[in-house]
Amino acid sequence: MSASIDFSHSEQHFCAQNMIKCHLSRLMGERKLRIADVARLTGLHRNTITLLYEETAVRVDLDAIEKLCDLFQCEVGELFERVPSGN
């Protein structure tokens, strides 16, 4: 059983005031990696990587986060950032 983080809660107040930013595209760009490269190196599905890359993911498995952090030798806070929205 794999654990996941769900960003799609229906708590409109929370979602309206905060946003989770994913820095995967920056990390990939710095290393000149393509989505196919990250998929091959991590074993993650291309769709998972694409959703994170385009910042359209609403849920991320903890296993995926761990694999990405291992690949990029980073902490979770370097991959994801909680950013207050501009009210």
C-alpha atoms as a PDB file:
ATOM      1  CA  MET A   1       0.000   0.000   0.000  1.00  0.00           C
ATOM      2  CA  SER A   2       1.430   3.341  -1.013  1.00  0.00           C
ATOM      3  CA  ALA A   3       0.772   6.552   0.888  1.00  0.00           C
ATOM      4  CA  SER A   4      -0.061   9.772  -0.902  1.00  0.00           C
ATOM      5  CA  ILE A   5      -0.511  13.445  -0.274  1.00  0.00           C
ATOM      6  CA  ASP A   6      -3.846  14.739  -1.542  1.00  0.00           C
ATOM      7  CA  PHE A   7      -3.880  18.388  -2.637  1.00  0.00           C
ATOM      8  CA  SER A   8      -7.519  18.287  -3.782  1.00  0.00           C
ATOM      9  CA  HIS A   9      -9.324  18.803  -0.462  1.00  0.00           C
ATOM     10  CA  SER A  10     -12.599  20.628  -0.853  1.00  0.00           C
ATOM     11  CA  GLU A  11     -11.725  23.138   1.844  1.00  0.00           C
ATOM     12  CA  GLN A  12     -12.127  26.212  -0.343  1.00  0.00           C
ATOM     13  CA  HIS A  13     -10.793  28.556   2.343  1.00  0.00           C
ATOM     14  CA  PHE A  14      -7.490  26.674   2.550  1.00  0.00           C
ATOM     15  CA  CYS A  15      -7.077  26.294  -1.210  1.00  0.00           C
ATOM     16  CA  ALA A  16      -7.877  29.938  -1.827  1.00  0.00           C
ATOM     17  CA  GLN A  17      -5.137  31.112   0.514  1.00  0.00           C
ATOM     18  CA  ASN A  18      -2.319  28.647  -0.114  1.00  0.00           C
ATOM     19  CA  MET A  19      -0.691  26.918  -3.029  1.00  0.00           C
ATOM     20  CA  ILE A  20       1.815  24.080  -3.309  1.00  0.00           C
ATOM     21  CA  LYS A  21       4.550  24.920  -5.824  1.00  0.00           C
ATOM     22  CA  CYS A  22       6.517  22.060  -7.383  1.00  0.00           C
ATOM     23  CA  HIS A  23      10.082  22.815  -8.441  1.00  0.00           C
ATOM     24  CA  LEU A  24      10.529  19.686 -10.563  1.00  0.00           C
ATOM     25  CA  SER A  25      10.782  21.633 -13.826  1.00  0.00           C
ATOM     26  CA  ARG A  26      13.570  23.807 -12.394  1.00  0.00           C
ATOM     27  CA  LEU A  27      15.460  20.813 -10.995  1.00  0.00           C
ATOM     28  CA  MET A  28      15.153  19.008 -14.312  1.00  0.00           C
ATOM     29  CA  GLY A  29      16.244  22.082 -16.266  1.00  0.00           C
ATOM     30  CA  GLU A  30      19.321  22.590 -14.122  1.00  0.00           C
ATOM     31  CA  ARG A  31      20.377  19.019 -14.931  1.00  0.00           C
ATOM     32  CA  LYS A  32      19.136  19.067 -18.538  1.00  0.00           C
ATOM     33  CA  LEU A  33      16.869  16.076 -17.897  1.00  0.00           C
ATOM     34  CA  ARG A  34      13.772  15.250 -19.923  1.00  0.00           C
ATOM     35  CA  ILE A  35      10.601  13.666 -18.576  1.00  0.00           C
ATOM     36  CA  ALA A  36      11.660  10.376 -20.218  1.00  0.00           C
ATOM     37  CA  ASP A  37      15.019  10.559 -18.422  1.00  0.00           C
ATOM     38  CA  VAL A  38      13.386  11.079 -15.013  1.00  0.00           C
ATOM     39  CA  ALA A  39      10.935   8.237 -15.699  1.00  0.00           C
ATOM     40  CA  ARG A  40      13.766   5.876 -16.613  1.00  0.00           C
ATOM     41  CA  LEU A  41      15.955   6.885 -13.666  1.00  0.00           C
ATOM     42  CA  THR A  42      13.183   6.715 -11.039  1.00  0.00           C
ATOM     43  CA  GLY A  43      10.856   4.047 -12.395  1.00  0.00           C
ATOM     44  CA  LEU A  44       7.959   6.495 -12.082  1.00  0.00           C
ATOM     45  CA  HIS A  45       5.269   6.649 -14.747  1.00  0.00           C
ATOM     46  CA  ARG A  46       5.734   9.430 -17.314  1.00  0.00           C
ATOM     47  CA  ASN A  47       2.257  10.764 -16.508  1.00  0.00           C
ATOM     48  CA  THR A  48       3.201  11.246 -12.825  1.00  0.00           C
ATOM     49  CA  ILE A  49       6.283  13.230 -13.813  1.00  0.00           C
ATOM     50  CA  THR A  50       4.371  15.257 -16.407  1.00  0.00           C
ATOM     51  CA  LEU A  51       1.698  16.257 -13.878  1.00  0.00           C
ATOM     52  CA  LEU A  52       4.356  17.392 -11.406  1.00  0.00           C
ATOM     53  CA  TYR A  53       6.400  19.119 -14.118  1.00  0.00           C
ATOM     54  CA  GLU A  54       3.341  21.067 -15.317  1.00  0.00           C
ATOM     55  CA  GLU A  55       2.176  21.634 -11.718  1.00  0.00           C
ATOM     56  CA  THR A  56      -1.237  20.127 -12.402  1.00  0.00           C
ATOM     57  CA  ALA A  57      -0.986  17.191  -9.976  1.00  0.00           C
ATOM     58  CA  VAL A  58      -3.616  17.098  -7.231  1.00  0.00           C
ATOM     59  CA  ARG A  59      -2.171  14.065  -5.447  1.00  0.00           C
ATOM     60  CA  VAL A  60       1.378  12.717  -5.103  1.00  0.00           C
ATOM     61  CA  ASP A  61       2.436   9.356  -3.681  1.00  0.00           C
ATOM     62  CA  LEU A  62       5.045   9.567  -0.955  1.00  0.00           C
ATOM     63  CA  ASP A  63       6.998   6.903  -2.849  1.00  0.00           C
ATOM     64  CA  ALA A  64       7.190   9.239  -5.869  1.00  0.00           C
ATOM     65  CA  ILE A  65       8.407  12.105  -3.681  1.00  0.00           C
ATOM     66  CA  GLU A  66      11.069   9.865  -2.166  1.00  0.00           C
ATOM     67  CA  LYS A  67      12.282   8.687  -5.588  1.00  0.00           C
ATOM     68  CA  LEU A  68      12.479  12.241  -6.914  1.00  0.00           C
ATOM     69  CA  CYS A  69      14.324  13.455  -3.819  1.00  0.00           C
ATOM     70  CA  ASP A  70      16.768  10.557  -4.190  1.00  0.00           C
ATOM     71  CA  LEU A  71      17.347  11.355  -7.872  1.00  0.00           C
ATOM     72  CA  PHE A  72      17.904  15.067  -7.307  1.00  0.00           C
ATOM     73  CA  GLN A  73      19.678  14.596  -3.951  1.00  0.00           C
ATOM     74  CA  CYS A  74      17.329  17.115  -2.350  1.00  0.00           C
ATOM     75  CA  GLU A  75      14.965  17.472   0.580  1.00  0.00           C
ATOM     76  CA  VAL A  76      11.180  17.542   0.189  1.00  0.00           C
ATOM     77  CA  GLY A  77      11.221  21.304   0.840  1.00  0.00           C
ATOM     78  CA  GLU A  78      13.462  21.801  -2.187  1.00  0.00           C
ATOM     79  CA  LEU A  79      11.017  19.897  -4.398  1.00  0.00           C
ATOM     80  CA  PHE A  80       7.787  21.359  -2.990  1.00  0.00           C
ATOM     81  CA  GLU A  81       7.097  24.752  -1.468  1.00  0.00           C
ATOM     82  CA  ARG A  82       3.981  26.086   0.203  1.00  0.00           C
ATOM     83  CA  VAL A  83       3.311  29.552  -1.162  1.00  0.00           C
ATOM     84  CA  PRO A  84       0.571  31.844   0.175  1.00  0.00           C
ATOM     85  CA  SER A  85      -1.579  33.111  -2.681  1.00  0.00           C
ATOM     86  CA  GLY A  86      -1.767  36.837  -3.301  1.00  0.00           C
ATOM     87  CA  ASN A  87      -5.136  37.810  -1.900  1.00  0.00           C
END
